[in-house]
Amino acid sequence: MDLGAFSVSLNVADIKASKAFYEKLGFAVVGGDIDQSWLIMRNNTTTIGLFQGMFERNMLTFNPGWDAACNTLDSFDDVRKIQAQLRDQEVALQMTADESTTGPASLMITDPDGNPILIDQHV
C-alpha cells in the first residue's frame, strides 16, 4: 500500500505566529491561504501544514497521487483502493471515501494511541 506524500498537519492557535516561528526554522510557504487560516510550508523535503481552527488535534497526513513536492504521480494507489485494503485488515475507519466516485477523496483512521491519520487524495 502506497500512501503517497507525507506531512504533519498542525492545529495552531495563531497562524501568523506559527508561520513566523516556522520561517525561523527555514520553512517557506508553498501553498494555502493565510486569510482562510491554513498554510502549507516546506523545508527541503519536510512538509507541514498549519491549520487554525480546522482540526481538534495534530495529525499525520498522507496524499496519494502526490510526491513530496506535491507533483502529481503518473501511477499511485487510489484512496478507495487503500480504503478497501484497510477494511480487509479490519482497520476501523472514522471517515470514508465514497467508493462510487473517482478523483479527490479522503478517509480518516486513528492509531492505537488516538492519533488521527488523514489520507487525503487531491487528484
PDB file of N, CA and C in Angstrom:
ATOM      1  N   MET A   1       0.851  -1.168   0.000  1.00  0.00           N
ATOM      2  CA  MET A   1       0.000   0.000   0.000  1.00  0.00           C
ATOM      3  C   MET A   1       0.899   1.233   0.000  1.00  0.00           C
ATOM      4  N   ASP A   2       0.724   2.089  -1.015  1.00  0.00           N
ATOM      5  CA  ASP A   2       1.496   3.326  -1.133  1.00  0.00           C
ATOM      6  C   ASP A   2       0.593   4.489  -0.724  1.00  0.00           C
ATOM      7  N   LEU A   3       0.909   5.128   0.395  1.00  0.00           N
ATOM      8  CA  LEU A   3       0.081   6.203   0.934  1.00  0.00           C
ATOM      9  C   LEU A   3       0.374   7.566   0.325  1.00  0.00           C
ATOM     10  N   GLY A   4       1.449   7.699  -0.423  1.00  0.00           N
ATOM     11  CA  GLY A   4       1.769   8.974  -1.061  1.00  0.00           C
ATOM     12  C   GLY A   4       2.600   9.882  -0.177  1.00  0.00           C
ATOM     13  N   ALA A   5       2.575  11.160  -0.505  1.00  0.00           N
ATOM     14  CA  ALA A   5       3.383  12.162   0.199  1.00  0.00           C
ATOM     15  C   ALA A   5       2.958  12.243   1.664  1.00  0.00           C
ATOM     16  N   PHE A   6       3.920  12.501   2.541  1.00  0.00           N
ATOM     17  CA  PHE A   6       3.665  12.592   3.980  1.00  0.00           C
ATOM     18  C   PHE A   6       3.885  14.010   4.476  1.00  0.00           C
ATOM     19  N   SER A   7       3.026  14.434   5.382  1.00  0.00           N
ATOM     20  CA  SER A   7       3.229  15.690   6.098  1.00  0.00           C
ATOM     21  C   SER A   7       2.576  15.587   7.462  1.00  0.00           C
ATOM     22  N   VAL A   8       2.879  16.542   8.308  1.00  0.00           N
ATOM     23  CA  VAL A   8       2.218  16.651   9.603  1.00  0.00           C
ATOM     24  C   VAL A   8       1.330  17.880   9.541  1.00  0.00           C
ATOM     25  N   SER A   9       0.065  17.695   9.882  1.00  0.00           N
ATOM     26  CA  SER A   9      -0.892  18.804   9.916  1.00  0.00           C
ATOM     27  C   SER A   9      -1.011  19.265  11.364  1.00  0.00           C
ATOM     28  N   LEU A  10      -0.637  20.509  11.606  1.00  0.00           N
ATOM     29  CA  LEU A  10      -0.617  21.042  12.961  1.00  0.00           C
ATOM     30  C   LEU A  10      -1.825  21.921  13.235  1.00  0.00           C
ATOM     31  N   ASN A  11      -2.488  21.680  14.345  1.00  0.00           N
ATOM     32  CA  ASN A  11      -3.571  22.519  14.829  1.00  0.00           C
ATOM     33  C   ASN A  11      -2.916  23.682  15.577  1.00  0.00           C
ATOM     34  N   VAL A  12      -2.987  24.883  15.017  1.00  0.00           N
ATOM     35  CA  VAL A  12      -2.303  26.029  15.617  1.00  0.00           C
ATOM     36  C   VAL A  12      -3.308  27.033  16.178  1.00  0.00           C
ATOM     37  N   ALA A  13      -2.895  27.732  17.240  1.00  0.00           N
ATOM     38  CA  ALA A  13      -3.759  28.728  17.878  1.00  0.00           C
ATOM     39  C   ALA A  13      -3.715  30.061  17.150  1.00  0.00           C
ATOM     40  N   ASP A  14      -2.545  30.408  16.590  1.00  0.00           N
ATOM     41  CA  ASP A  14      -2.365  31.691  15.908  1.00  0.00           C
ATOM     42  C   ASP A  14      -1.519  31.437  14.665  1.00  0.00           C
ATOM     43  N   ILE A  15      -2.161  31.399  13.516  1.00  0.00           N
ATOM     44  CA  ILE A  15      -1.454  31.009  12.290  1.00  0.00           C
ATOM     45  C   ILE A  15      -0.329  31.979  11.933  1.00  0.00           C
ATOM     46  N   LYS A  16      -0.507  33.256  12.207  1.00  0.00           N
ATOM     47  CA  LYS A  16       0.556  34.228  11.894  1.00  0.00           C
ATOM     48  C   LYS A  16       1.773  34.001  12.779  1.00  0.00           C
ATOM     49  N   ALA A  17       1.554  33.736  14.056  1.00  0.00           N
ATOM     50  CA  ALA A  17       2.671  33.461  14.961  1.00  0.00           C
ATOM     51  C   ALA A  17       3.362  32.158  14.578  1.00  0.00           C
ATOM     52  N   SER A  18       2.576  31.141  14.214  1.00  0.00           N
ATOM     53  CA  SER A  18       3.157  29.857  13.812  1.00  0.00           C
ATOM     54  C   SER A  18       3.951  29.995  12.524  1.00  0.00           C
ATOM     55  N   LYS A  19       3.415  30.735  11.559  1.00  0.00           N
ATOM     56  CA  LYS A  19       4.125  30.977  10.303  1.00  0.00           C
ATOM     57  C   LYS A  19       5.475  31.629  10.580  1.00  0.00           C
ATOM     58  N   ALA A  20       5.480  32.667  11.392  1.00  0.00           N
ATOM     59  CA  ALA A  20       6.729  33.371  11.717  1.00  0.00           C
ATOM     60  C   ALA A  20       7.720  32.437  12.410  1.00  0.00           C
ATOM     61  N   PHE A  21       7.236  31.601  13.315  1.00  0.00           N
ATOM     62  CA  PHE A  21       8.105  30.665  14.022  1.00  0.00           C
ATOM     63  C   PHE A  21       8.739  29.670  13.058  1.00  0.00           C
ATOM     64  N   TYR A  22       7.938  29.040  12.214  1.00  0.00           N
ATOM     65  CA  TYR A  22       8.478  28.023  11.307  1.00  0.00           C
ATOM     66  C   TYR A  22       9.367  28.636  10.220  1.00  0.00           C
ATOM     67  N   GLU A  23       9.130  29.881   9.866  1.00  0.00           N
ATOM     68  CA  GLU A  23      10.050  30.566   8.939  1.00  0.00           C
ATOM     69  C   GLU A  23      11.426  30.705   9.574  1.00  0.00           C
ATOM     70  N   LYS A  24      11.493  30.919  10.881  1.00  0.00           N
ATOM     71  CA  LYS A  24      12.781  30.998  11.578  1.00  0.00           C
ATOM     72  C   LYS A  24      13.513  29.663  11.544  1.00  0.00           C
ATOM     73  N   LEU A  25      12.759  28.564  11.365  1.00  0.00           N
ATOM     74  CA  LEU A  25      13.370  27.242  11.258  1.00  0.00           C
ATOM     75  C   LEU A  25      13.706  26.867   9.814  1.00  0.00           C
ATOM     76  N   GLY A  26      13.489  27.807   8.895  1.00  0.00           N
ATOM     77  CA  GLY A  26      13.836  27.566   7.499  1.00  0.00           C
ATOM     78  C   GLY A  26      12.696  27.099   6.625  1.00  0.00           C
ATOM     79  N   PHE A  27      11.480  27.066   7.137  1.00  0.00           N
ATOM     80  CA  PHE A  27      10.321  26.680   6.328  1.00  0.00           C
ATOM     81  C   PHE A  27       9.846  27.877   5.512  1.00  0.00           C
ATOM     82  N   ALA A  28       9.322  27.598   4.329  1.00  0.00           N
ATOM     83  CA  ALA A  28       8.760  28.632   3.458  1.00  0.00           C
ATOM     84  C   ALA A  28       7.361  28.195   3.035  1.00  0.00           C
ATOM     85  N   VAL A  29       6.487  29.158   2.847  1.00  0.00           N
ATOM     86  CA  VAL A  29       5.122  28.867   2.410  1.00  0.00           C
ATOM     87  C   VAL A  29       5.150  28.387   0.969  1.00  0.00           C
ATOM     88  N   VAL A  30       4.498  27.245   0.707  1.00  0.00           N
ATOM     89  CA  VAL A  30       4.404  26.703  -0.653  1.00  0.00           C
ATOM     90  C   VAL A  30       2.953  26.534  -1.091  1.00  0.00           C
ATOM     91  N   GLY A  31       2.019  26.813  -0.204  1.00  0.00           N
ATOM     92  CA  GLY A  31       0.610  26.680  -0.550  1.00  0.00           C
ATOM     93  C   GLY A  31      -0.276  27.165   0.570  1.00  0.00           C
ATOM     94  N   GLY A  32      -1.559  27.198   0.281  1.00  0.00           N
ATOM     95  CA  GLY A  32      -2.525  27.600   1.293  1.00  0.00           C
ATOM     96  C   GLY A  32      -2.945  29.044   1.162  1.00  0.00           C
ATOM     97  N   ASP A  33      -3.657  29.518   2.167  1.00  0.00           N
ATOM     98  CA  ASP A  33      -4.177  30.881   2.188  1.00  0.00           C
ATOM     99  C   ASP A  33      -4.289  31.314   3.641  1.00  0.00           C
ATOM    100  N   ILE A  34      -3.424  32.212   4.055  1.00  0.00           N
ATOM    101  CA  ILE A  34      -3.420  32.651   5.451  1.00  0.00           C
ATOM    102  C   ILE A  34      -4.747  33.302   5.837  1.00  0.00           C
ATOM    103  N   ASP A  35      -5.427  33.936   4.880  1.00  0.00           N
ATOM    104  CA  ASP A  35      -6.727  34.551   5.171  1.00  0.00           C
ATOM    105  C   ASP A  35      -7.812  33.504   5.411  1.00  0.00           C
ATOM    106  N   GLN A  36      -7.586  32.276   4.950  1.00  0.00           N
ATOM    107  CA  GLN A  36      -8.503  31.167   5.219  1.00  0.00           C
ATOM    108  C   GLN A  36      -7.999  30.299   6.377  1.00  0.00           C
ATOM    109  N   SER A  37      -6.934  30.750   7.030  1.00  0.00           N
ATOM    110  CA  SER A  37      -6.370  30.112   8.234  1.00  0.00           C
ATOM    111  C   SER A  37      -5.699  28.767   7.970  1.00  0.00           C
ATOM    112  N   TRP A  38      -5.062  28.617   6.773  1.00  0.00           N
ATOM    113  CA  TRP A  38      -4.277  27.408   6.531  1.00  0.00           C
ATOM    114  C   TRP A  38      -3.120  27.708   5.591  1.00  0.00           C
ATOM    115  N   LEU A  39      -1.978  27.084   5.883  1.00  0.00           N
ATOM    116  CA  LEU A  39      -0.776  27.225   5.066  1.00  0.00           C
ATOM    117  C   LEU A  39      -0.072  25.876   4.967  1.00  0.00           C
ATOM    118  N   ILE A  40       0.592  25.659   3.849  1.00  0.00           N
ATOM    119  CA  ILE A  40       1.478  24.516   3.677  1.00  0.00           C
ATOM    120  C   ILE A  40       2.889  25.094   3.590  1.00  0.00           C
ATOM    121  N   MET A  41       3.789  24.556   4.421  1.00  0.00           N
ATOM    122  CA  MET A  41       5.154  25.061   4.472  1.00  0.00           C
ATOM    123  C   MET A  41       6.130  23.904   4.259  1.00  0.00           C
ATOM    124  N   ARG A  42       7.260  24.229   3.645  1.00  0.00           N
ATOM    125  CA  ARG A  42       8.242  23.193   3.348  1.00  0.00           C
ATOM    126  C   ARG A  42       9.646  23.692   3.680  1.00  0.00           C
ATOM    127  N   ASN A  43      10.446  22.767   4.197  1.00  0.00           N
ATOM    128  CA  ASN A  43      11.873  22.973   4.406  1.00  0.00           C
ATOM    129  C   ASN A  43      12.546  21.749   3.806  1.00  0.00           C
ATOM    130  N   ASN A  44      13.160  21.937   2.635  1.00  0.00           N
ATOM    131  CA  ASN A  44      13.776  20.841   1.897  1.00  0.00           C
ATOM    132  C   ASN A  44      12.698  19.811   1.572  1.00  0.00           C
ATOM    133  N   THR A  45      12.775  18.595   2.112  1.00  0.00           N
ATOM    134  CA  THR A  45      11.761  17.578   1.804  1.00  0.00           C
ATOM    135  C   THR A  45      10.736  17.414   2.926  1.00  0.00           C
ATOM    136  N   THR A  46      10.798  18.262   3.937  1.00  0.00           N
ATOM    137  CA  THR A  46       9.871  18.175   5.068  1.00  0.00           C
ATOM    138  C   THR A  46       8.710  19.140   4.857  1.00  0.00           C
ATOM    139  N   THR A  47       7.494  18.622   4.945  1.00  0.00           N
ATOM    140  CA  THR A  47       6.303  19.433   4.727  1.00  0.00           C
ATOM    141  C   THR A  47       5.434  19.408   5.978  1.00  0.00           C
ATOM    142  N   ILE A  48       4.961  20.593   6.357  1.00  0.00           N
ATOM    143  CA  ILE A  48       3.999  20.716   7.445  1.00  0.00           C
ATOM    144  C   ILE A  48       2.833  21.556   6.962  1.00  0.00           C
ATOM    145  N   GLY A  49       1.675  21.308   7.538  1.00  0.00           N
ATOM    146  CA  GLY A  49       0.512  22.150   7.301  1.00  0.00           C
ATOM    147  C   GLY A  49       0.155  22.845   8.594  1.00  0.00           C
ATOM    148  N   LEU A  50      -0.157  24.125   8.508  1.00  0.00           N
ATOM    149  CA  LEU A  50      -0.622  24.888   9.665  1.00  0.00           C
ATOM    150  C   LEU A  50      -2.103  25.158   9.463  1.00  0.00           C
ATOM    151  N   PHE A  51      -2.913  24.756  10.418  1.00  0.00           N
ATOM    152  CA  PHE A  51      -4.367  24.889  10.299  1.00  0.00           C
ATOM    153  C   PHE A  51      -4.918  25.485  11.585  1.00  0.00           C
ATOM    154  N   GLN A  52      -5.476  26.672  11.483  1.00  0.00           N
ATOM    155  CA  GLN A  52      -6.064  27.327  12.655  1.00  0.00           C
ATOM    156  C   GLN A  52      -7.574  27.097  12.664  1.00  0.00           C
ATOM    157  N   GLY A  53      -8.057  26.422  13.710  1.00  0.00           N
ATOM    158  CA  GLY A  53      -9.485  26.226  13.887  1.00  0.00           C
ATOM    159  C   GLY A  53     -10.121  25.182  12.981  1.00  0.00           C
ATOM    160  N   MET A  54      -9.341  24.335  12.330  1.00  0.00           N
ATOM    161  CA  MET A  54      -9.903  23.345  11.404  1.00  0.00           C
ATOM    162  C   MET A  54      -9.900  21.931  11.960  1.00  0.00           C
ATOM    163  N   PHE A  55      -8.955  21.618  12.823  1.00  0.00           N
ATOM    164  CA  PHE A  55      -8.822  20.281  13.388  1.00  0.00           C
ATOM    165  C   PHE A  55      -8.703  20.394  14.896  1.00  0.00           C
ATOM    166  N   GLU A  56      -9.132  19.358  15.599  1.00  0.00           N
ATOM    167  CA  GLU A  56      -9.006  19.340  17.055  1.00  0.00           C
ATOM    168  C   GLU A  56      -7.599  18.979  17.506  1.00  0.00           C
ATOM    169  N   ARG A  57      -6.920  18.145  16.734  1.00  0.00           N
ATOM    170  CA  ARG A  57      -5.603  17.639  17.132  1.00  0.00           C
ATOM    171  C   ARG A  57      -4.645  17.707  15.958  1.00  0.00           C
ATOM    172  N   ASN A  58      -3.368  17.632  16.263  1.00  0.00           N
ATOM    173  CA  ASN A  58      -2.369  17.447  15.222  1.00  0.00           C
ATOM    174  C   ASN A  58      -2.621  16.083  14.588  1.00  0.00           C
ATOM    175  N   MET A  59      -2.289  15.940  13.302  1.00  0.00           N
ATOM    176  CA  MET A  59      -2.498  14.646  12.656  1.00  0.00           C
ATOM    177  C   MET A  59      -1.438  14.373  11.601  1.00  0.00           C
ATOM    178  N   LEU A  60      -1.263  13.088  11.352  1.00  0.00           N
ATOM    179  CA  LEU A  60      -0.420  12.651  10.252  1.00  0.00           C
ATOM    180  C   LEU A  60      -1.266  12.732   8.990  1.00  0.00           C
ATOM    181  N   THR A  61      -0.663  13.192   7.902  1.00  0.00           N
ATOM    182  CA  THR A  61      -1.402  13.328   6.647  1.00  0.00           C
ATOM    183  C   THR A  61      -0.611  12.667   5.522  1.00  0.00           C
ATOM    184  N   PHE A  62      -1.331  11.899   4.708  1.00  0.00           N
ATOM    185  CA  PHE A  62      -0.753  11.275   3.526  1.00  0.00           C
ATOM    186  C   PHE A  62      -1.583  11.704   2.317  1.00  0.00           C
ATOM    187  N   ASN A  63      -0.918  11.946   1.199  1.00  0.00           N
ATOM    188  CA  ASN A  63      -1.596  12.382  -0.024  1.00  0.00           C
ATOM    189  C   ASN A  63      -1.295  11.429  -1.181  1.00  0.00           C
ATOM    190  N   PRO A  64      -2.160  10.417  -1.382  1.00  0.00           N
ATOM    191  CA  PRO A  64      -1.977   9.541  -2.535  1.00  0.00           C
ATOM    192  C   PRO A  64      -2.013  10.357  -3.834  1.00  0.00           C
ATOM    193  N   GLY A  65      -1.138  10.008  -4.762  1.00  0.00           N
ATOM    194  CA  GLY A  65      -1.106  10.698  -6.048  1.00  0.00           C
ATOM    195  C   GLY A  65      -0.123  11.844  -6.117  1.00  0.00           C
ATOM    196  N   TRP A  66       0.481  12.187  -4.985  1.00  0.00           N
ATOM    197  CA  TRP A  66       1.464  13.276  -4.957  1.00  0.00           C
ATOM    198  C   TRP A  66       2.812  12.766  -4.489  1.00  0.00           C
ATOM    199  N   ASP A  67       3.887  13.390  -5.018  1.00  0.00           N
ATOM    200  CA  ASP A  67       5.209  13.176  -4.451  1.00  0.00           C
ATOM    201  C   ASP A  67       5.425  14.224  -3.359  1.00  0.00           C
ATOM    202  N   ALA A  68       6.603  14.260  -2.761  1.00  0.00           N
ATOM    203  CA  ALA A  68       6.881  15.160  -1.637  1.00  0.00           C
ATOM    204  C   ALA A  68       6.781  16.638  -2.004  1.00  0.00           C
ATOM    205  N   ALA A  69       6.876  16.963  -3.299  1.00  0.00           N
ATOM    206  CA  ALA A  69       6.768  18.355  -3.743  1.00  0.00           C
ATOM    207  C   ALA A  69       5.379  18.667  -4.306  1.00  0.00           C
ATOM    208  N   CYS A  70       4.420  17.800  -4.036  1.00  0.00           N
ATOM    209  CA  CYS A  70       3.028  17.961  -4.490  1.00  0.00           C
ATOM    210  C   CYS A  70       2.874  17.875  -6.002  1.00  0.00           C
ATOM    211  N   ASN A  71       3.799  17.192  -6.659  1.00  0.00           N
ATOM    212  CA  ASN A  71       3.662  16.922  -8.085  1.00  0.00           C
ATOM    213  C   ASN A  71       2.798  15.676  -8.251  1.00  0.00           C
ATOM    214  N   THR A  72       1.918  15.687  -9.237  1.00  0.00           N
ATOM    215  CA  THR A  72       1.046  14.547  -9.488  1.00  0.00           C
ATOM    216  C   THR A  72       1.843  13.388 -10.070  1.00  0.00           C
ATOM    217  N   LEU A  73       1.626  12.206  -9.503  1.00  0.00           N
ATOM    218  CA  LEU A  73       2.298  10.999  -9.960  1.00  0.00           C
ATOM    219  C   LEU A  73       1.508  10.348 -11.094  1.00  0.00           C
ATOM    220  N   ASP A  74       2.210   9.710 -12.008  1.00  0.00           N
ATOM    221  CA  ASP A  74       1.554   9.001 -13.108  1.00  0.00           C
ATOM    222  C   ASP A  74       0.802   7.776 -12.613  1.00  0.00           C
ATOM    223  N   SER A  75       1.353   7.115 -11.611  1.00  0.00           N
ATOM    224  CA  SER A  75       0.760   5.897 -11.080  1.00  0.00           C
ATOM    225  C   SER A  75       0.749   5.981  -9.556  1.00  0.00           C
ATOM    226  N   PHE A  76      -0.388   5.620  -8.938  1.00  0.00           N
ATOM    227  CA  PHE A  76      -0.484   5.658  -7.477  1.00  0.00           C
ATOM    228  C   PHE A  76      -1.658   4.809  -7.022  1.00  0.00           C
ATOM    229  N   ASP A  77      -1.668   4.465  -5.740  1.00  0.00           N
ATOM    230  CA  ASP A  77      -2.781   3.737  -5.141  1.00  0.00           C
ATOM    231  C   ASP A  77      -3.886   4.734  -4.812  1.00  0.00           C
ATOM    232  N   ASP A  78      -5.027   4.577  -5.450  1.00  0.00           N
ATOM    233  CA  ASP A  78      -6.168   5.441  -5.202  1.00  0.00           C
ATOM    234  C   ASP A  78      -6.643   5.272  -3.756  1.00  0.00           C
ATOM    235  N   VAL A  79      -7.154   6.340  -3.172  1.00  0.00           N
ATOM    236  CA  VAL A  79      -7.611   6.314  -1.787  1.00  0.00           C
ATOM    237  C   VAL A  79      -8.677   5.237  -1.560  1.00  0.00           C
ATOM    238  N   ARG A  80      -9.488   4.955  -2.577  1.00  0.00           N
ATOM    239  CA  ARG A  80     -10.518   3.931  -2.436  1.00  0.00           C
ATOM    240  C   ARG A  80      -9.907   2.525  -2.360  1.00  0.00           C
ATOM    241  N   LYS A  81      -8.814   2.308  -3.091  1.00  0.00           N
ATOM    242  CA  LYS A  81      -8.087   1.040  -3.015  1.00  0.00           C
ATOM    243  C   LYS A  81      -7.467   0.893  -1.627  1.00  0.00           C
ATOM    244  N   ILE A  82      -6.879   1.975  -1.124  1.00  0.00           N
ATOM    245  CA  ILE A  82      -6.294   1.961   0.215  1.00  0.00           C
ATOM    246  C   ILE A  82      -7.379   1.665   1.245  1.00  0.00           C
ATOM    247  N   GLN A  83      -8.530   2.303   1.082  1.00  0.00           N
ATOM    248  CA  GLN A  83      -9.655   2.084   1.994  1.00  0.00           C
ATOM    249  C   GLN A  83     -10.077   0.613   2.009  1.00  0.00           C
ATOM    250  N   ALA A  84     -10.167   0.003   0.838  1.00  0.00           N
ATOM    251  CA  ALA A  84     -10.544  -1.412   0.749  1.00  0.00           C
ATOM    252  C   ALA A  84      -9.514  -2.295   1.453  1.00  0.00           C
ATOM    253  N   GLN A  85      -8.224  -1.975   1.276  1.00  0.00           N
ATOM    254  CA  GLN A  85      -7.175  -2.752   1.925  1.00  0.00           C
ATOM    255  C   GLN A  85      -7.252  -2.611   3.444  1.00  0.00           C
ATOM    256  N   LEU A  86      -7.550  -1.401   3.919  1.00  0.00           N
ATOM    257  CA  LEU A  86      -7.677  -1.189   5.363  1.00  0.00           C
ATOM    258  C   LEU A  86      -8.878  -1.952   5.918  1.00  0.00           C
ATOM    259  N   ARG A  87      -9.985  -1.927   5.194  1.00  0.00           N
ATOM    260  CA  ARG A  87     -11.175  -2.689   5.620  1.00  0.00           C
ATOM    261  C   ARG A  87     -10.861  -4.182   5.678  1.00  0.00           C
ATOM    262  N   ASP A  88     -10.137  -4.676   4.663  1.00  0.00           N
ATOM    263  CA  ASP A  88      -9.766  -6.092   4.644  1.00  0.00           C
ATOM    264  C   ASP A  88      -8.921  -6.468   5.858  1.00  0.00           C
ATOM    265  N   GLN A  89      -8.155  -5.495   6.361  1.00  0.00           N
ATOM    266  CA  GLN A  89      -7.305  -5.729   7.528  1.00  0.00           C
ATOM    267  C   GLN A  89      -8.022  -5.359   8.831  1.00  0.00           C
ATOM    268  N   GLU A  90      -9.315  -5.071   8.725  1.00  0.00           N
ATOM    269  CA  GLU A  90     -10.166  -4.741   9.864  1.00  0.00           C
ATOM    270  C   GLU A  90      -9.701  -3.508  10.634  1.00  0.00           C
ATOM    271  N   VAL A  91      -9.206  -2.514   9.901  1.00  0.00           N
ATOM    272  CA  VAL A  91      -8.856  -1.222  10.491  1.00  0.00           C
ATOM    273  C   VAL A  91     -10.131  -0.378  10.513  1.00  0.00           C
ATOM    274  N   ALA A  92     -10.470   0.152  11.684  1.00  0.00           N
ATOM    275  CA  ALA A  92     -11.677   0.979  11.820  1.00  0.00           C
ATOM    276  C   ALA A  92     -11.489   2.303  11.083  1.00  0.00           C
ATOM    277  N   LEU A  93     -12.489   2.683  10.313  1.00  0.00           N
ATOM    278  CA  LEU A  93     -12.454   3.930   9.543  1.00  0.00           C
ATOM    279  C   LEU A  93     -13.373   4.953  10.211  1.00  0.00           C
ATOM    280  N   GLN A  94     -12.841   6.131  10.542  1.00  0.00           N
ATOM    281  CA  GLN A  94     -13.644   7.192  11.149  1.00  0.00           C
ATOM    282  C   GLN A  94     -14.350   8.039  10.089  1.00  0.00           C
ATOM    283  N   MET A  95     -13.746   8.142   8.924  1.00  0.00           N
ATOM    284  CA  MET A  95     -14.319   8.872   7.794  1.00  0.00           C
ATOM    285  C   MET A  95     -13.974   8.064   6.550  1.00  0.00           C
ATOM    286  N   THR A  96     -14.908   7.935   5.622  1.00  0.00           N
ATOM    287  CA  THR A  96     -14.656   7.103   4.452  1.00  0.00           C
ATOM    288  C   THR A  96     -14.816   7.881   3.158  1.00  0.00           C
ATOM    289  N   ALA A  97     -14.138   7.386   2.137  1.00  0.00           N
ATOM    290  CA  ALA A  97     -14.267   7.905   0.781  1.00  0.00           C
ATOM    291  C   ALA A  97     -15.454   7.223   0.118  1.00  0.00           C
ATOM    292  N   ASP A  98     -16.186   7.952  -0.694  1.00  0.00           N
ATOM    293  CA  ASP A  98     -17.315   7.393  -1.441  1.00  0.00           C
ATOM    294  C   ASP A  98     -16.754   6.517  -2.552  1.00  0.00           C
ATOM    295  N   GLU A  99     -16.991   5.233  -2.455  1.00  0.00           N
ATOM    296  CA  GLU A  99     -16.418   4.281  -3.407  1.00  0.00           C
ATOM    297  C   GLU A  99     -17.073   4.324  -4.774  1.00  0.00           C
ATOM    298  N   SER A 100     -18.159   5.064  -4.926  1.00  0.00           N
ATOM    299  CA  SER A 100     -18.814   5.179  -6.229  1.00  0.00           C
ATOM    300  C   SER A 100     -18.248   6.342  -7.046  1.00  0.00           C
ATOM    301  N   THR A 101     -17.266   7.052  -6.482  1.00  0.00           N
ATOM    302  CA  THR A 101     -16.694   8.208  -7.163  1.00  0.00           C
ATOM    303  C   THR A 101     -15.255   7.925  -7.585  1.00  0.00           C
ATOM    304  N   THR A 102     -14.697   8.862  -8.345  1.00  0.00           N
ATOM    305  CA  THR A 102     -13.280   8.841  -8.697  1.00  0.00           C
ATOM    306  C   THR A 102     -12.713  10.212  -8.373  1.00  0.00           C
ATOM    307  N   GLY A 103     -11.389  10.315  -8.388  1.00  0.00           N
ATOM    308  CA  GLY A 103     -10.757  11.612  -8.145  1.00  0.00           C
ATOM    309  C   GLY A 103     -10.585  11.906  -6.671  1.00  0.00           C
ATOM    310  N   PRO A 104     -10.571  13.210  -6.321  1.00  0.00           N
ATOM    311  CA  PRO A 104     -10.307  13.608  -4.943  1.00  0.00           C
ATOM    312  C   PRO A 104     -11.273  12.977  -3.943  1.00  0.00           C
ATOM    313  N   ALA A 105     -10.709  12.510  -2.826  1.00  0.00           N
ATOM    314  CA  ALA A 105     -11.491  11.924  -1.740  1.00  0.00           C
ATOM    315  C   ALA A 105     -10.572  11.732  -0.537  1.00  0.00           C
ATOM    316  N   SER A 106     -11.171  11.503   0.624  1.00  0.00           N
ATOM    317  CA  SER A 106     -10.399  11.355   1.857  1.00  0.00           C
ATOM    318  C   SER A 106     -10.962  10.241   2.715  1.00  0.00           C
ATOM    319  N   LEU A 107     -10.100   9.738   3.578  1.00  0.00           N
ATOM    320  CA  LEU A 107     -10.523   8.829   4.633  1.00  0.00           C
ATOM    321  C   LEU A 107      -9.718   9.159   5.875  1.00  0.00           C
ATOM    322  N   MET A 108     -10.240   8.763   7.025  1.00  0.00           N
ATOM    323  CA  MET A 108      -9.512   9.011   8.271  1.00  0.00           C
ATOM    324  C   MET A 108      -9.567   7.766   9.145  1.00  0.00           C
ATOM    325  N   ILE A 109      -8.413   7.468   9.737  1.00  0.00           N
ATOM    326  CA  ILE A 109      -8.292   6.389  10.709  1.00  0.00           C
ATOM    327  C   ILE A 109      -7.615   6.966  11.947  1.00  0.00           C
ATOM    328  N   THR A 110      -7.586   6.195  13.008  1.00  0.00           N
ATOM    329  CA  THR A 110      -6.926   6.614  14.245  1.00  0.00           C
ATOM    330  C   THR A 110      -6.019   5.484  14.694  1.00  0.00           C
ATOM    331  N   ASP A 111      -4.787   5.828  15.071  1.00  0.00           N
ATOM    332  CA  ASP A 111      -3.873   4.783  15.534  1.00  0.00           C
ATOM    333  C   ASP A 111      -4.232   4.367  16.964  1.00  0.00           C
ATOM    334  N   PRO A 112      -3.603   3.322  17.498  1.00  0.00           N
ATOM    335  CA  PRO A 112      -3.969   2.822  18.823  1.00  0.00           C
ATOM    336  C   PRO A 112      -3.814   3.844  19.957  1.00  0.00           C
ATOM    337  N   ASP A 113      -3.026   4.894  19.730  1.00  0.00           N
ATOM    338  CA  ASP A 113      -2.833   5.916  20.756  1.00  0.00           C
ATOM    339  C   ASP A 113      -3.736   7.127  20.571  1.00  0.00           C
ATOM    340  N   GLY A 114      -4.666   7.035  19.620  1.00  0.00           N
ATOM    341  CA  GLY A 114      -5.605   8.134  19.410  1.00  0.00           C
ATOM    342  C   GLY A 114      -5.138   9.199  18.439  1.00  0.00           C
ATOM    343  N   ASN A 115      -4.016   8.975  17.758  1.00  0.00           N
ATOM    344  CA  ASN A 115      -3.515   9.948  16.788  1.00  0.00           C
ATOM    345  C   ASN A 115      -4.279   9.807  15.478  1.00  0.00           C
ATOM    346  N   PRO A 116      -4.908  10.900  15.010  1.00  0.00           N
ATOM    347  CA  PRO A 116      -5.630  10.813  13.745  1.00  0.00           C
ATOM    348  C   PRO A 116      -4.672  10.745  12.556  1.00  0.00           C
ATOM    349  N   ILE A 117      -5.080   9.975  11.547  1.00  0.00           N
ATOM    350  CA  ILE A 117      -4.320   9.843  10.312  1.00  0.00           C
ATOM    351  C   ILE A 117      -5.284  10.129   9.165  1.00  0.00           C
ATOM    352  N   LEU A 118      -4.991  11.189   8.416  1.00  0.00           N
ATOM    353  CA  LEU A 118      -5.802  11.596   7.277  1.00  0.00           C
ATOM    354  C   LEU A 118      -5.127  11.116   5.998  1.00  0.00           C
ATOM    355  N   ILE A 119      -5.862  10.411   5.168  1.00  0.00           N
ATOM    356  CA  ILE A 119      -5.374  10.022   3.847  1.00  0.00           C
ATOM    357  C   ILE A 119      -6.236  10.824   2.867  1.00  0.00           C
ATOM    358  N   ASP A 120      -5.623  11.837   2.294  1.00  0.00           N
ATOM    359  CA  ASP A 120      -6.330  12.908   1.586  1.00  0.00           C
ATOM    360  C   ASP A 120      -5.809  13.012   0.146  1.00  0.00           C
ATOM    361  N   GLN A 121      -6.586  12.470  -0.781  1.00  0.00           N
ATOM    362  CA  GLN A 121      -6.193  12.454  -2.200  1.00  0.00           C
ATOM    363  C   GLN A 121      -6.755  13.688  -2.890  1.00  0.00           C
ATOM    364  N   HIS A 122      -5.898  14.448  -3.563  1.00  0.00           N
ATOM    365  CA  HIS A 122      -6.306  15.688  -4.251  1.00  0.00           C
ATOM    366  C   HIS A 122      -6.431  15.526  -5.749  1.00  0.00           C
ATOM    367  N   VAL A 123      -6.025  14.378  -6.287  1.00  0.00           N
ATOM    368  CA  VAL A 123      -6.066  14.165  -7.744  1.00  0.00           C
ATOM    369  C   VAL A 123      -7.016  13.050  -8.126  1.00  0.00           C
TER     370      VAL A 123
END
